[in-house]
């Protein structure tokens, strides 16, 4: 069971982790795809996480699986668009796909 995912040295406590292999439509090679949920408190933490996710491409590490790859956001969902209340919590869903290095 995967409990944490590290993106560019920032650790996220995750739930509902899923991993699969997908075919690159252009090259036909296999690429990793991972998805997971995590929670973010409102206010400054929410702002920092959403700002960080705008980087779009990350060094992805999943320590429990001994898995590392360069990944980019394929899908991204949050339960809130504006989250200024420090006492609230937003649910995030993130799907990352491996960046193809065989170009």
PDB file of N, CA and C in Angstrom:
ATOM      1  N   UNK A   1       0.847  -1.187   0.000  1.00  0.00           N
ATOM      2  CA  UNK A   1       0.000   0.000   0.000  1.00  0.00           C
ATOM      3  C   UNK A   1       0.889   1.246   0.000  1.00  0.00           C
ATOM      4  N   UNK A   2       0.623   2.153  -0.900  1.00  0.00           N
ATOM      5  CA  UNK A   2       1.416   3.376  -1.012  1.00  0.00           C
ATOM      6  C   UNK A   2       0.783   4.464  -0.154  1.00  0.00           C
ATOM      7  N   UNK A   3       1.598   5.060   0.714  1.00  0.00           N
ATOM      8  CA  UNK A   3       1.125   6.111   1.612  1.00  0.00           C
ATOM      9  C   UNK A   3       1.733   7.470   1.332  1.00  0.00           C
ATOM     10  N   UNK A   4       2.813   7.501   0.521  1.00  0.00           N
ATOM     11  CA  UNK A   4       3.395   8.798   0.199  1.00  0.00           C
ATOM     12  C   UNK A   4       3.972   8.805  -1.205  1.00  0.00           C
ATOM     13  N   UNK A   5       3.880   9.978  -1.820  1.00  0.00           N
ATOM     14  CA  UNK A   5       4.454  10.242  -3.132  1.00  0.00           C
ATOM     15  C   UNK A   5       5.271  11.516  -2.992  1.00  0.00           C
ATOM     16  N   UNK A   6       6.464  11.510  -3.573  1.00  0.00           N
ATOM     17  CA  UNK A   6       7.345  12.670  -3.504  1.00  0.00           C
ATOM     18  C   UNK A   6       7.444  13.288  -4.890  1.00  0.00           C
ATOM     19  N   UNK A   7       7.125  14.574  -4.969  1.00  0.00           N
ATOM     20  CA  UNK A   7       7.252  15.333  -6.213  1.00  0.00           C
ATOM     21  C   UNK A   7       8.285  16.427  -5.980  1.00  0.00           C
ATOM     22  N   UNK A   8       9.388  16.390  -6.720  1.00  0.00           N
ATOM     23  CA  UNK A   8      10.457  17.389  -6.556  1.00  0.00           C
ATOM     24  C   UNK A   8      10.819  17.600  -5.088  1.00  0.00           C
ATOM     25  N   UNK A   9      10.960  16.537  -4.338  1.00  0.00           N
ATOM     26  CA  UNK A   9      11.359  16.575  -2.921  1.00  0.00           C
ATOM     27  C   UNK A   9      10.288  17.103  -1.973  1.00  0.00           C
ATOM     28  N   UNK A  10       9.048  17.240  -2.429  1.00  0.00           N
ATOM     29  CA  UNK A  10       7.927  17.588  -1.552  1.00  0.00           C
ATOM     30  C   UNK A  10       7.089  16.325  -1.366  1.00  0.00           C
ATOM     31  N   UNK A  11       6.894  15.929  -0.120  1.00  0.00           N
ATOM     32  CA  UNK A  11       6.197  14.684   0.194  1.00  0.00           C
ATOM     33  C   UNK A  11       4.708  14.936   0.405  1.00  0.00           C
ATOM     34  N   UNK A  12       3.894  14.118  -0.268  1.00  0.00           N
ATOM     35  CA  UNK A  12       2.443  14.163  -0.124  1.00  0.00           C
ATOM     36  C   UNK A  12       1.986  12.858   0.511  1.00  0.00           C
ATOM     37  N   UNK A  13       1.165  12.950   1.556  1.00  0.00           N
ATOM     38  CA  UNK A  13       0.527  11.782   2.158  1.00  0.00           C
ATOM     39  C   UNK A  13      -0.682  11.455   1.290  1.00  0.00           C
ATOM     40  N   UNK A  14      -0.712  10.245   0.725  1.00  0.00           N
ATOM     41  CA  UNK A  14      -1.709   9.932  -0.294  1.00  0.00           C
ATOM     42  C   UNK A  14      -2.598   8.761   0.107  1.00  0.00           C
ATOM     43  N   UNK A  15      -3.751   8.701  -0.560  1.00  0.00           N
ATOM     44  CA  UNK A  15      -4.669   7.571  -0.467  1.00  0.00           C
ATOM     45  C   UNK A  15      -5.088   7.203  -1.883  1.00  0.00           C
ATOM     46  N   UNK A  16      -5.701   6.068  -2.028  1.00  0.00           N
ATOM     47  CA  UNK A  16      -6.253   5.589  -3.298  1.00  0.00           C
ATOM     48  C   UNK A  16      -5.222   5.627  -4.432  1.00  0.00           C
ATOM     49  N   UNK A  17      -4.019   5.159  -4.137  1.00  0.00           N
ATOM     50  CA  UNK A  17      -2.941   5.117  -5.134  1.00  0.00           C
ATOM     51  C   UNK A  17      -3.235   4.034  -6.163  1.00  0.00           C
ATOM     52  N   UNK A  18      -3.063   4.390  -7.442  1.00  0.00           N
ATOM     53  CA  UNK A  18      -3.216   3.431  -8.536  1.00  0.00           C
ATOM     54  C   UNK A  18      -2.037   3.611  -9.482  1.00  0.00           C
ATOM     55  N   UNK A  19      -1.619   2.509 -10.076  1.00  0.00           N
ATOM     56  CA  UNK A  19      -0.477   2.517 -10.987  1.00  0.00           C
ATOM     57  C   UNK A  19      -0.815   1.638 -12.181  1.00  0.00           C
ATOM     58  N   UNK A  20      -0.466   2.101 -13.371  1.00  0.00           N
ATOM     59  CA  UNK A  20      -0.681   1.287 -14.562  1.00  0.00           C
ATOM     60  C   UNK A  20       0.359   1.629 -15.621  1.00  0.00           C
ATOM     61  N   UNK A  21       0.442   0.780 -16.618  1.00  0.00           N
ATOM     62  CA  UNK A  21       1.312   1.003 -17.770  1.00  0.00           C
ATOM     63  C   UNK A  21       0.407   1.318 -18.953  1.00  0.00           C
ATOM     64  N   UNK A  22       0.734   2.395 -19.669  1.00  0.00           N
ATOM     65  CA  UNK A  22      -0.025   2.788 -20.856  1.00  0.00           C
ATOM     66  C   UNK A  22       0.930   2.850 -22.042  1.00  0.00           C
ATOM     67  N   UNK A  23       0.390   2.696 -23.230  1.00  0.00           N
ATOM     68  CA  UNK A  23       1.184   2.777 -24.456  1.00  0.00           C
ATOM     69  C   UNK A  23       1.275   4.222 -24.924  1.00  0.00           C
ATOM     70  N   UNK A  24       2.478   4.630 -25.288  1.00  0.00           N
ATOM     71  CA  UNK A  24       2.676   5.925 -25.927  1.00  0.00           C
ATOM     72  C   UNK A  24       2.052   5.830 -27.318  1.00  0.00           C
ATOM     73  N   UNK A  25       1.097   6.696 -27.618  1.00  0.00           N
ATOM     74  CA  UNK A  25       0.383   6.632 -28.894  1.00  0.00           C
ATOM     75  C   UNK A  25       1.287   6.915 -30.085  1.00  0.00           C
ATOM     76  N   UNK A  26       2.327   7.722 -29.889  1.00  0.00           N
ATOM     77  CA  UNK A  26       3.217   8.077 -30.995  1.00  0.00           C
ATOM     78  C   UNK A  26       4.328   7.055 -31.216  1.00  0.00           C
ATOM     79  N   UNK A  27       4.951   6.587 -30.138  1.00  0.00           N
ATOM     80  CA  UNK A  27       6.129   5.730 -30.253  1.00  0.00           C
ATOM     81  C   UNK A  27       5.838   4.251 -29.979  1.00  0.00           C
ATOM     82  N   UNK A  28       4.732   3.961 -29.319  1.00  0.00           N
ATOM     83  CA  UNK A  28       4.376   2.582 -29.025  1.00  0.00           C
ATOM     84  C   UNK A  28       5.046   1.988 -27.797  1.00  0.00           C
ATOM     85  N   UNK A  29       5.903   2.758 -27.131  1.00  0.00           N
ATOM     86  CA  UNK A  29       6.575   2.242 -25.937  1.00  0.00           C
ATOM     87  C   UNK A  29       5.690   2.397 -24.701  1.00  0.00           C
ATOM     88  N   UNK A  30       6.051   1.688 -23.637  1.00  0.00           N
ATOM     89  CA  UNK A  30       5.292   1.712 -22.389  1.00  0.00           C
ATOM     90  C   UNK A  30       5.674   2.914 -21.536  1.00  0.00           C
ATOM     91  N   UNK A  31       4.663   3.530 -20.920  1.00  0.00           N
ATOM     92  CA  UNK A  31       4.861   4.648 -20.000  1.00  0.00           C
ATOM     93  C   UNK A  31       4.112   4.354 -18.704  1.00  0.00           C
ATOM     94  N   UNK A  32       4.669   4.782 -17.586  1.00  0.00           N
ATOM     95  CA  UNK A  32       4.006   4.620 -16.291  1.00  0.00           C
ATOM     96  C   UNK A  32       2.964   5.722 -16.110  1.00  0.00           C
ATOM     97  N   UNK A  33       1.862   5.353 -15.483  1.00  0.00           N
ATOM     98  CA  UNK A  33       0.848   6.334 -15.101  1.00  0.00           C
ATOM     99  C   UNK A  33       0.439   6.023 -13.669  1.00  0.00           C
ATOM    100  N   UNK A  34       0.473   7.044 -12.814  1.00  0.00           N
ATOM    101  CA  UNK A  34       0.057   6.877 -11.423  1.00  0.00           C
ATOM    102  C   UNK A  34      -1.003   7.919 -11.097  1.00  0.00           C
ATOM    103  N   UNK A  35      -1.909   7.553 -10.215  1.00  0.00           N
ATOM    104  CA  UNK A  35      -2.915   8.505  -9.739  1.00  0.00           C
ATOM    105  C   UNK A  35      -3.093   8.285  -8.243  1.00  0.00           C
ATOM    106  N   UNK A  36      -3.490   9.357  -7.569  1.00  0.00           N
ATOM    107  CA  UNK A  36      -3.646   9.289  -6.117  1.00  0.00           C
ATOM    108  C   UNK A  36      -4.433  10.494  -5.633  1.00  0.00           C
ATOM    109  N   UNK A  37      -4.948  10.364  -4.416  1.00  0.00           N
ATOM    110  CA  UNK A  37      -5.676  11.442  -3.749  1.00  0.00           C
ATOM    111  C   UNK A  37      -4.834  11.951  -2.594  1.00  0.00           C
ATOM    112  N   UNK A  38      -5.020  13.210  -2.256  1.00  0.00           N
ATOM    113  CA  UNK A  38      -4.404  13.773  -1.057  1.00  0.00           C
ATOM    114  C   UNK A  38      -5.226  14.959  -0.591  1.00  0.00           C
ATOM    115  N   UNK A  39      -5.046  15.332   0.652  1.00  0.00           N
ATOM    116  CA  UNK A  39      -5.804  16.429   1.252  1.00  0.00           C
ATOM    117  C   UNK A  39      -4.884  17.615   1.498  1.00  0.00           C
ATOM    118  N   UNK A  40      -5.458  18.813   1.355  1.00  0.00           N
ATOM    119  CA  UNK A  40      -4.706  20.055   1.557  1.00  0.00           C
ATOM    120  C   UNK A  40      -5.548  20.992   2.403  1.00  0.00           C
ATOM    121  N   UNK A  41      -4.943  21.540   3.456  1.00  0.00           N
ATOM    122  CA  UNK A  41      -5.634  22.525   4.288  1.00  0.00           C
ATOM    123  C   UNK A  41      -5.763  23.835   3.519  1.00  0.00           C
ATOM    124  N   UNK A  42      -6.756  24.616   3.906  1.00  0.00           N
ATOM    125  CA  UNK A  42      -7.023  25.886   3.244  1.00  0.00           C
ATOM    126  C   UNK A  42      -5.970  26.942   3.521  1.00  0.00           C
ATOM    127  N   UNK A  43      -6.211  28.111   2.983  1.00  0.00           N
ATOM    128  CA  UNK A  43      -5.327  29.246   3.215  1.00  0.00           C
ATOM    129  C   UNK A  43      -3.990  29.100   2.535  1.00  0.00           C
ATOM    130  N   UNK A  44      -2.917  29.348   3.281  1.00  0.00           N
ATOM    131  CA  UNK A  44      -1.572  29.373   2.715  1.00  0.00           C
ATOM    132  C   UNK A  44      -1.151  28.017   2.150  1.00  0.00           C
ATOM    133  N   UNK A  45      -1.478  26.914   2.841  1.00  0.00           N
ATOM    134  CA  UNK A  45      -1.093  25.588   2.337  1.00  0.00           C
ATOM    135  C   UNK A  45      -1.736  25.320   0.982  1.00  0.00           C
ATOM    136  N   UNK A  46      -3.016  25.644   0.850  1.00  0.00           N
ATOM    137  CA  UNK A  46      -3.718  25.464  -0.426  1.00  0.00           C
ATOM    138  C   UNK A  46      -3.044  26.286  -1.518  1.00  0.00           C
ATOM    139  N   UNK A  47      -2.729  27.528  -1.213  1.00  0.00           N
ATOM    140  CA  UNK A  47      -2.068  28.409  -2.182  1.00  0.00           C
ATOM    141  C   UNK A  47      -0.716  27.833  -2.604  1.00  0.00           C
ATOM    142  N   UNK A  48       0.075  27.378  -1.643  1.00  0.00           N
ATOM    143  CA  UNK A  48       1.409  26.843  -1.946  1.00  0.00           C
ATOM    144  C   UNK A  48       1.326  25.577  -2.804  1.00  0.00           C
ATOM    145  N   UNK A  49       0.395  24.685  -2.495  1.00  0.00           N
ATOM    146  CA  UNK A  49       0.267  23.444  -3.262  1.00  0.00           C
ATOM    147  C   UNK A  49      -0.202  23.735  -4.683  1.00  0.00           C
ATOM    148  N   UNK A  50      -1.216  24.572  -4.840  1.00  0.00           N
ATOM    149  CA  UNK A  50      -1.702  24.857  -6.196  1.00  0.00           C
ATOM    150  C   UNK A  50      -0.637  25.577  -7.013  1.00  0.00           C
ATOM    151  N   UNK A  51       0.092  26.480  -6.389  1.00  0.00           N
ATOM    152  CA  UNK A  51       1.193  27.168  -7.083  1.00  0.00           C
ATOM    153  C   UNK A  51       2.258  26.154  -7.507  1.00  0.00           C
ATOM    154  N   UNK A  52       2.607  25.231  -6.634  1.00  0.00           N
ATOM    155  CA  UNK A  52       3.591  24.195  -6.939  1.00  0.00           C
ATOM    156  C   UNK A  52       3.132  23.328  -8.111  1.00  0.00           C
ATOM    157  N   UNK A  53       1.858  22.954  -8.138  1.00  0.00           N
ATOM    158  CA  UNK A  53       1.361  22.081  -9.204  1.00  0.00           C
ATOM    159  C   UNK A  53       1.399  22.743 -10.577  1.00  0.00           C
ATOM    160  N   UNK A  54       1.441  24.074 -10.623  1.00  0.00           N
ATOM    161  CA  UNK A  54       1.567  24.773 -11.908  1.00  0.00           C
ATOM    162  C   UNK A  54       2.894  24.473 -12.595  1.00  0.00           C
ATOM    163  N   UNK A  55       3.869  23.918 -11.880  1.00  0.00           N
ATOM    164  CA  UNK A  55       5.130  23.507 -12.516  1.00  0.00           C
ATOM    165  C   UNK A  55       4.875  22.410 -13.543  1.00  0.00           C
ATOM    166  N   UNK A  56       3.826  21.621 -13.341  1.00  0.00           N
ATOM    167  CA  UNK A  56       3.299  20.640 -14.285  1.00  0.00           C
ATOM    168  C   UNK A  56       4.143  19.373 -14.472  1.00  0.00           C
ATOM    169  N   UNK A  57       5.466  19.472 -14.455  1.00  0.00           N
ATOM    170  CA  UNK A  57       6.331  18.312 -14.657  1.00  0.00           C
ATOM    171  C   UNK A  57       7.259  18.178 -13.453  1.00  0.00           C
ATOM    172  N   UNK A  58       7.400  16.937 -12.952  1.00  0.00           N
ATOM    173  CA  UNK A  58       8.075  16.712 -11.674  1.00  0.00           C
ATOM    174  C   UNK A  58       8.964  15.471 -11.715  1.00  0.00           C
ATOM    175  N   UNK A  59       9.933  15.436 -10.801  1.00  0.00           N
ATOM    176  CA  UNK A  59      10.639  14.201 -10.487  1.00  0.00           C
ATOM    177  C   UNK A  59       9.737  13.456  -9.508  1.00  0.00           C
ATOM    178  N   UNK A  60       9.255  12.299  -9.916  1.00  0.00           N
ATOM    179  CA  UNK A  60       8.287  11.526  -9.135  1.00  0.00           C
ATOM    180  C   UNK A  60       9.009  10.369  -8.446  1.00  0.00           C
ATOM    181  N   UNK A  61       8.778  10.234  -7.142  1.00  0.00           N
ATOM    182  CA  UNK A  61       9.334   9.113  -6.380  1.00  0.00           C
ATOM    183  C   UNK A  61       8.220   8.484  -5.560  1.00  0.00           C
ATOM    184  N   UNK A  62       8.132   7.172  -5.639  1.00  0.00           N
ATOM    185  CA  UNK A  62       7.200   6.413  -4.821  1.00  0.00           C
ATOM    186  C   UNK A  62       8.047   5.424  -4.021  1.00  0.00           C
ATOM    187  N   UNK A  63       8.475   5.835  -2.812  1.00  0.00           N
ATOM    188  CA  UNK A  63       9.429   5.031  -2.039  1.00  0.00           C
ATOM    189  C   UNK A  63       8.977   3.597  -1.770  1.00  0.00           C
ATOM    190  N   UNK A  64       7.699   3.396  -1.447  1.00  0.00           N
ATOM    191  CA  UNK A  64       7.226   2.046  -1.124  1.00  0.00           C
ATOM    192  C   UNK A  64       7.317   1.093  -2.310  1.00  0.00           C
ATOM    193  N   UNK A  65       7.332   1.642  -3.519  1.00  0.00           N
ATOM    194  CA  UNK A  65       7.432   0.829  -4.736  1.00  0.00           C
ATOM    195  C   UNK A  65       8.840   0.858  -5.324  1.00  0.00           C
ATOM    196  N   UNK A  66       9.730   1.647  -4.708  1.00  0.00           N
ATOM    197  CA  UNK A  66      11.077   1.859  -5.258  1.00  0.00           C
ATOM    198  C   UNK A  66      10.983   2.307  -6.718  1.00  0.00           C
ATOM    199  N   UNK A  67      10.077   3.234  -6.964  1.00  0.00           N
ATOM    200  CA  UNK A  67       9.782   3.711  -8.311  1.00  0.00           C
ATOM    201  C   UNK A  67      10.145   5.184  -8.428  1.00  0.00           C
ATOM    202  N   UNK A  68      10.870   5.529  -9.487  1.00  0.00           N
ATOM    203  CA  UNK A  68      11.229   6.917  -9.769  1.00  0.00           C
ATOM    204  C   UNK A  68      11.111   7.155 -11.268  1.00  0.00           C
ATOM    205  N   UNK A  69      10.534   8.286 -11.640  1.00  0.00           N
ATOM    206  CA  UNK A  69      10.462   8.674 -13.042  1.00  0.00           C
ATOM    207  C   UNK A  69      10.155  10.158 -13.137  1.00  0.00           C
ATOM    208  N   UNK A  70      10.332  10.711 -14.316  1.00  0.00           N
ATOM    209  CA  UNK A  70       9.960  12.090 -14.598  1.00  0.00           C
ATOM    210  C   UNK A  70       8.532  12.036 -15.109  1.00  0.00           C
ATOM    211  N   UNK A  71       7.630  12.794 -14.466  1.00  0.00           N
ATOM    212  CA  UNK A  71       6.223  12.722 -14.838  1.00  0.00           C
ATOM    213  C   UNK A  71       5.600  14.087 -15.001  1.00  0.00           C
ATOM    214  N   UNK A  72       4.546  14.130 -15.787  1.00  0.00           N
ATOM    215  CA  UNK A  72       3.814  15.371 -16.014  1.00  0.00           C
ATOM    216  C   UNK A  72       2.343  15.153 -15.678  1.00  0.00           C
ATOM    217  N   UNK A  73       1.665  16.215 -15.297  1.00  0.00           N
ATOM    218  CA  UNK A  73       0.253  16.099 -14.932  1.00  0.00           C
ATOM    219  C   UNK A  73      -0.568  15.743 -16.163  1.00  0.00           C
ATOM    220  N   UNK A  74      -1.316  14.651 -16.054  1.00  0.00           N
ATOM    221  CA  UNK A  74      -2.229  14.228 -17.105  1.00  0.00           C
ATOM    222  C   UNK A  74      -3.653  14.676 -16.771  1.00  0.00           C
ATOM    223  N   UNK A  75      -4.026  14.551 -15.484  1.00  0.00           N
ATOM    224  CA  UNK A  75      -5.326  15.020 -14.988  1.00  0.00           C
ATOM    225  C   UNK A  75      -5.135  15.560 -13.583  1.00  0.00           C
ATOM    226  N   UNK A  76      -5.971  16.537 -13.241  1.00  0.00           N
ATOM    227  CA  UNK A  76      -5.842  17.199 -11.940  1.00  0.00           C
ATOM    228  C   UNK A  76      -7.226  17.669 -11.529  1.00  0.00           C
ATOM    229  N   UNK A  77      -7.611  17.379 -10.298  1.00  0.00           N
ATOM    230  CA  UNK A  77      -8.926  17.768  -9.809  1.00  0.00           C
ATOM    231  C   UNK A  77      -8.817  18.188  -8.354  1.00  0.00           C
ATOM    232  N   UNK A  78      -9.524  19.236  -8.001  1.00  0.00           N
ATOM    233  CA  UNK A  78      -9.650  19.612  -6.601  1.00  0.00           C
ATOM    234  C   UNK A  78     -11.113  19.886  -6.305  1.00  0.00           C
ATOM    235  N   UNK A  79     -11.497  19.671  -5.065  1.00  0.00           N
ATOM    236  CA  UNK A  79     -12.887  19.864  -4.667  1.00  0.00           C
ATOM    237  C   UNK A  79     -13.241  21.339  -4.519  1.00  0.00           C
ATOM    238  N   UNK A  80     -12.250  22.205  -4.565  1.00  0.00           N
ATOM    239  CA  UNK A  80     -12.490  23.644  -4.398  1.00  0.00           C
ATOM    240  C   UNK A  80     -11.674  24.442  -5.397  1.00  0.00           C
ATOM    241  N   UNK A  81     -12.203  25.595  -5.810  1.00  0.00           N
ATOM    242  CA  UNK A  81     -11.459  26.504  -6.670  1.00  0.00           C
ATOM    243  C   UNK A  81     -10.796  27.611  -5.882  1.00  0.00           C
ATOM    244  N   UNK A  82     -11.482  28.094  -4.862  1.00  0.00           N
ATOM    245  CA  UNK A  82     -10.934  29.132  -3.991  1.00  0.00           C
ATOM    246  C   UNK A  82     -11.016  28.603  -2.573  1.00  0.00           C
ATOM    247  N   UNK A  83      -9.904  28.633  -1.888  1.00  0.00           N
ATOM    248  CA  UNK A  83      -9.866  27.971  -0.597  1.00  0.00           C
ATOM    249  C   UNK A  83      -9.116  28.815   0.411  1.00  0.00           C
ATOM    250  N   UNK A  84      -9.709  29.937   0.803  1.00  0.00           N
ATOM    251  CA  UNK A  84      -9.015  30.867   1.689  1.00  0.00           C
ATOM    252  C   UNK A  84      -9.198  30.554   3.176  1.00  0.00           C
ATOM    253  N   UNK A  85     -10.182  29.737   3.538  1.00  0.00           N
ATOM    254  CA  UNK A  85     -10.435  29.403   4.941  1.00  0.00           C
ATOM    255  C   UNK A  85      -9.378  28.427   5.462  1.00  0.00           C
ATOM    256  N   UNK A  86      -8.559  28.868   6.409  1.00  0.00           N
ATOM    257  CA  UNK A  86      -7.467  28.057   6.968  1.00  0.00           C
ATOM    258  C   UNK A  86      -7.959  26.762   7.624  1.00  0.00           C
ATOM    259  N   UNK A  87      -9.208  26.713   8.076  1.00  0.00           N
ATOM    260  CA  UNK A  87      -9.725  25.553   8.797  1.00  0.00           C
ATOM    261  C   UNK A  87     -10.390  24.517   7.900  1.00  0.00           C
ATOM    262  N   UNK A  88     -10.472  24.786   6.621  1.00  0.00           N
ATOM    263  CA  UNK A  88     -11.107  23.858   5.696  1.00  0.00           C
ATOM    264  C   UNK A  88     -10.066  22.939   5.061  1.00  0.00           C
ATOM    265  N   UNK A  89     -10.557  21.865   4.454  1.00  0.00           N
ATOM    266  CA  UNK A  89      -9.679  20.902   3.796  1.00  0.00           C
ATOM    267  C   UNK A  89     -10.228  20.614   2.403  1.00  0.00           C
ATOM    268  N   UNK A  90      -9.336  20.632   1.406  1.00  0.00           N
ATOM    269  CA  UNK A  90      -9.713  20.320   0.026  1.00  0.00           C
ATOM    270  C   UNK A  90      -9.203  18.935  -0.335  1.00  0.00           C
ATOM    271  N   UNK A  91      -9.989  18.225  -1.134  1.00  0.00           N
ATOM    272  CA  UNK A  91      -9.572  16.936  -1.677  1.00  0.00           C
ATOM    273  C   UNK A  91      -8.959  17.167  -3.049  1.00  0.00           C
ATOM    274  N   UNK A  92      -7.793  16.602  -3.277  1.00  0.00           N
ATOM    275  CA  UNK A  92      -7.117  16.686  -4.564  1.00  0.00           C
ATOM    276  C   UNK A  92      -7.014  15.294  -5.163  1.00  0.00           C
ATOM    277  N   UNK A  93      -7.096  15.209  -6.471  1.00  0.00           N
ATOM    278  CA  UNK A  93      -6.841  13.972  -7.230  1.00  0.00           C
ATOM    279  C   UNK A  93      -5.834  14.346  -8.303  1.00  0.00           C
ATOM    280  N   UNK A  94      -4.747  13.611  -8.373  1.00  0.00           N
ATOM    281  CA  UNK A  94      -3.685  13.913  -9.324  1.00  0.00           C
ATOM    282  C   UNK A  94      -3.345  12.654 -10.109  1.00  0.00           C
ATOM    283  N   UNK A  95      -3.223  12.807 -11.427  1.00  0.00           N
ATOM    284  CA  UNK A  95      -2.788  11.712 -12.287  1.00  0.00           C
ATOM    285  C   UNK A  95      -1.556  12.190 -13.042  1.00  0.00           C
ATOM    286  N   UNK A  96      -0.474  11.439 -12.913  1.00  0.00           N
ATOM    287  CA  UNK A  96       0.793  11.781 -13.556  1.00  0.00           C
ATOM    288  C   UNK A  96       1.155  10.699 -14.557  1.00  0.00           C
ATOM    289  N   UNK A  97       1.680  11.115 -15.703  1.00  0.00           N
ATOM    290  CA  UNK A  97       2.135  10.161 -16.707  1.00  0.00           C
ATOM    291  C   UNK A  97       3.612  10.407 -16.976  1.00  0.00           C
ATOM    292  N   UNK A  98       4.339   9.329 -17.168  1.00  0.00           N
ATOM    293  CA  UNK A  98       5.780   9.409 -17.384  1.00  0.00           C
ATOM    294  C   UNK A  98       6.091  10.225 -18.631  1.00  0.00           C
ATOM    295  N   UNK A  99       7.098  11.082 -18.530  1.00  0.00           N
ATOM    296  CA  UNK A  99       7.563  11.855 -19.680  1.00  0.00           C
ATOM    297  C   UNK A  99       8.350  10.902 -20.565  1.00  0.00           C
ATOM    298  N   UNK A 100       8.002  10.867 -21.833  1.00  0.00           N
ATOM    299  CA  UNK A 100       8.663   9.963 -22.770  1.00  0.00           C
ATOM    300  C   UNK A 100      10.064  10.470 -23.080  1.00  0.00           C
ATOM    301  N   UNK A 101      11.058   9.672 -22.762  1.00  0.00           N
ATOM    302  CA  UNK A 101      12.446  10.054 -23.040  1.00  0.00           C
ATOM    303  C   UNK A 101      12.961   9.422 -24.328  1.00  0.00           C
ATOM    304  N   UNK A 102      12.120   8.637 -24.995  1.00  0.00           N
ATOM    305  CA  UNK A 102      12.522   7.964 -26.244  1.00  0.00           C
ATOM    306  C   UNK A 102      12.005   8.719 -27.453  1.00  0.00           C
ATOM    307  N   UNK A 103      12.412   9.950 -27.616  1.00  0.00           N
ATOM    308  CA  UNK A 103      11.932  10.750 -28.757  1.00  0.00           C
ATOM    309  C   UNK A 103      12.941  10.777 -29.861  1.00  0.00           C
TER     310      UNK A 103
END
